[in-house]
Amino acid sequence: MIRKLSSGKYRLYSRKVNPKTGKRRNLGTFASRAAAEKHERAVQYFKRH
């Protein structure tokens, strides 16, 4: 899940909320949306391999 920050950067969040904090886990901040989408695909790949 990618959200645009007020600084103009994009942050990748986990799809599920963290039960301990009640919020989504931050999986990295990226300068462009394309970079965030690329990393999201890498995360999904490693979750299954």
N, C-alpha and C. Protein backbone atom coordinates (compact mmCIF):
# COMPACT_ATOMS: atom_id res chain seq x y z
N MET A 1 0.85 -1.17 0.00
CA MET A 1 0.00 0.00 0.00
C MET A 1 0.90 1.23 0.00
N ILE A 2 0.75 2.08 -1.01
CA ILE A 2 1.62 3.25 -1.16
C ILE A 2 0.82 4.51 -0.87
N ARG A 3 1.40 5.37 -0.04
CA ARG A 3 0.77 6.65 0.26
C ARG A 3 1.74 7.77 -0.05
N LYS A 4 1.22 8.90 -0.56
CA LYS A 4 2.06 10.06 -0.82
C LYS A 4 2.15 10.90 0.45
N LEU A 5 3.37 11.28 0.80
CA LEU A 5 3.59 12.08 2.00
C LEU A 5 3.54 13.56 1.67
N SER A 6 3.38 14.39 2.67
CA SER A 6 3.30 15.84 2.44
C SER A 6 4.62 16.38 1.88
N SER A 7 5.72 15.65 2.13
CA SER A 7 7.04 16.07 1.61
C SER A 7 7.18 15.79 0.12
N GLY A 8 6.20 15.07 -0.46
CA GLY A 8 6.26 14.74 -1.88
C GLY A 8 6.85 13.38 -2.15
N LYS A 9 7.31 12.69 -1.10
CA LYS A 9 7.84 11.34 -1.27
C LYS A 9 6.71 10.33 -1.10
N TYR A 10 7.04 9.08 -1.39
CA TYR A 10 6.05 8.01 -1.28
C TYR A 10 6.52 7.00 -0.26
N ARG A 11 5.59 6.51 0.55
CA ARG A 11 5.93 5.53 1.57
C ARG A 11 5.14 4.26 1.35
N LEU A 12 5.84 3.14 1.48
CA LEU A 12 5.22 1.83 1.32
C LEU A 12 4.84 1.31 2.70
N TYR A 13 3.56 0.98 2.88
CA TYR A 13 3.06 0.43 4.14
C TYR A 13 2.62 -1.01 3.92
N SER A 14 2.68 -1.81 4.98
CA SER A 14 2.18 -3.18 4.91
C SER A 14 0.67 -3.15 4.70
N ARG A 15 0.13 -4.20 4.13
CA ARG A 15 -1.31 -4.25 3.87
C ARG A 15 -2.11 -4.47 5.15
N LYS A 16 -1.53 -5.24 6.09
CA LYS A 16 -2.22 -5.51 7.34
C LYS A 16 -1.75 -4.54 8.42
N VAL A 17 -2.61 -4.30 9.38
CA VAL A 17 -2.20 -3.45 10.51
C VAL A 17 -1.42 -4.29 11.50
N ASN A 18 -0.44 -3.69 12.13
CA ASN A 18 0.38 -4.34 13.14
C ASN A 18 -0.46 -4.42 14.42
N PRO A 19 -0.74 -5.62 14.93
CA PRO A 19 -1.62 -5.74 16.10
C PRO A 19 -1.06 -5.05 17.34
N LYS A 20 0.26 -4.96 17.42
CA LYS A 20 0.88 -4.35 18.61
C LYS A 20 0.64 -2.83 18.66
N THR A 21 0.73 -2.18 17.51
CA THR A 21 0.59 -0.72 17.48
C THR A 21 -0.76 -0.26 16.94
N GLY A 22 -1.44 -1.16 16.19
CA GLY A 22 -2.71 -0.77 15.58
C GLY A 22 -2.53 0.03 14.31
N LYS A 23 -1.30 0.15 13.82
CA LYS A 23 -1.02 0.90 12.59
C LYS A 23 -0.35 0.00 11.58
N ARG A 24 -0.22 0.50 10.35
CA ARG A 24 0.46 -0.27 9.32
C ARG A 24 1.97 -0.11 9.45
N ARG A 25 2.70 -1.16 9.14
CA ARG A 25 4.15 -1.12 9.25
C ARG A 25 4.76 -0.37 8.07
N ASN A 26 5.72 0.50 8.35
CA ASN A 26 6.42 1.26 7.31
C ASN A 26 7.45 0.35 6.66
N LEU A 27 7.34 0.16 5.33
CA LEU A 27 8.27 -0.72 4.62
C LEU A 27 9.24 0.06 3.75
N GLY A 28 9.38 1.35 3.99
CA GLY A 28 10.37 2.13 3.24
C GLY A 28 9.77 3.36 2.62
N THR A 29 10.61 4.39 2.43
CA THR A 29 10.21 5.66 1.84
C THR A 29 11.00 5.85 0.55
N PHE A 30 10.32 6.29 -0.50
CA PHE A 30 10.94 6.37 -1.83
C PHE A 30 10.68 7.72 -2.46
N ALA A 31 11.59 8.15 -3.32
CA ALA A 31 11.48 9.46 -3.97
C ALA A 31 10.38 9.47 -5.03
N SER A 32 10.17 8.31 -5.69
CA SER A 32 9.16 8.27 -6.76
C SER A 32 8.19 7.13 -6.51
N ARG A 33 7.00 7.28 -7.07
CA ARG A 33 6.00 6.22 -6.93
C ARG A 33 6.45 4.95 -7.63
N ALA A 34 7.13 5.10 -8.77
CA ALA A 34 7.62 3.93 -9.51
C ALA A 34 8.58 3.11 -8.66
N ALA A 35 9.46 3.80 -7.92
CA ALA A 35 10.41 3.09 -7.06
C ALA A 35 9.67 2.35 -5.96
N ALA A 36 8.65 2.97 -5.40
CA ALA A 36 7.86 2.32 -4.34
C ALA A 36 7.13 1.11 -4.88
N GLU A 37 6.56 1.22 -6.08
CA GLU A 37 5.85 0.09 -6.69
C GLU A 37 6.81 -1.05 -6.99
N LYS A 38 8.01 -0.72 -7.44
CA LYS A 38 9.02 -1.75 -7.73
C LYS A 38 9.38 -2.49 -6.45
N HIS A 39 9.56 -1.76 -5.36
CA HIS A 39 9.92 -2.41 -4.10
C HIS A 39 8.74 -3.23 -3.57
N GLU A 40 7.53 -2.76 -3.78
CA GLU A 40 6.36 -3.52 -3.33
C GLU A 40 6.31 -4.88 -4.00
N ARG A 41 6.63 -4.93 -5.31
CA ARG A 41 6.66 -6.21 -6.01
C ARG A 41 7.74 -7.11 -5.43
N ALA A 42 8.90 -6.54 -5.09
CA ALA A 42 9.98 -7.32 -4.49
C ALA A 42 9.56 -7.88 -3.13
N VAL A 43 8.85 -7.08 -2.35
CA VAL A 43 8.37 -7.53 -1.03
C VAL A 43 7.41 -8.70 -1.21
N GLN A 44 6.46 -8.58 -2.14
CA GLN A 44 5.48 -9.64 -2.37
C GLN A 44 6.17 -10.92 -2.82
N TYR A 45 7.23 -10.79 -3.65
CA TYR A 45 7.97 -11.96 -4.11
C TYR A 45 8.64 -12.68 -2.93
N PHE A 46 9.32 -11.91 -2.07
CA PHE A 46 10.06 -12.54 -0.97
C PHE A 46 9.13 -13.12 0.09
N LYS A 47 7.89 -12.62 0.16
CA LYS A 47 6.95 -13.19 1.11
C LYS A 47 6.60 -14.63 0.75
N ARG A 48 6.78 -14.99 -0.52
CA ARG A 48 6.38 -16.32 -1.00
C ARG A 48 7.55 -17.19 -1.42
N HIS A 49 8.79 -16.73 -1.27
CA HIS A 49 9.95 -17.53 -1.69
C HIS A 49 10.98 -17.64 -0.57
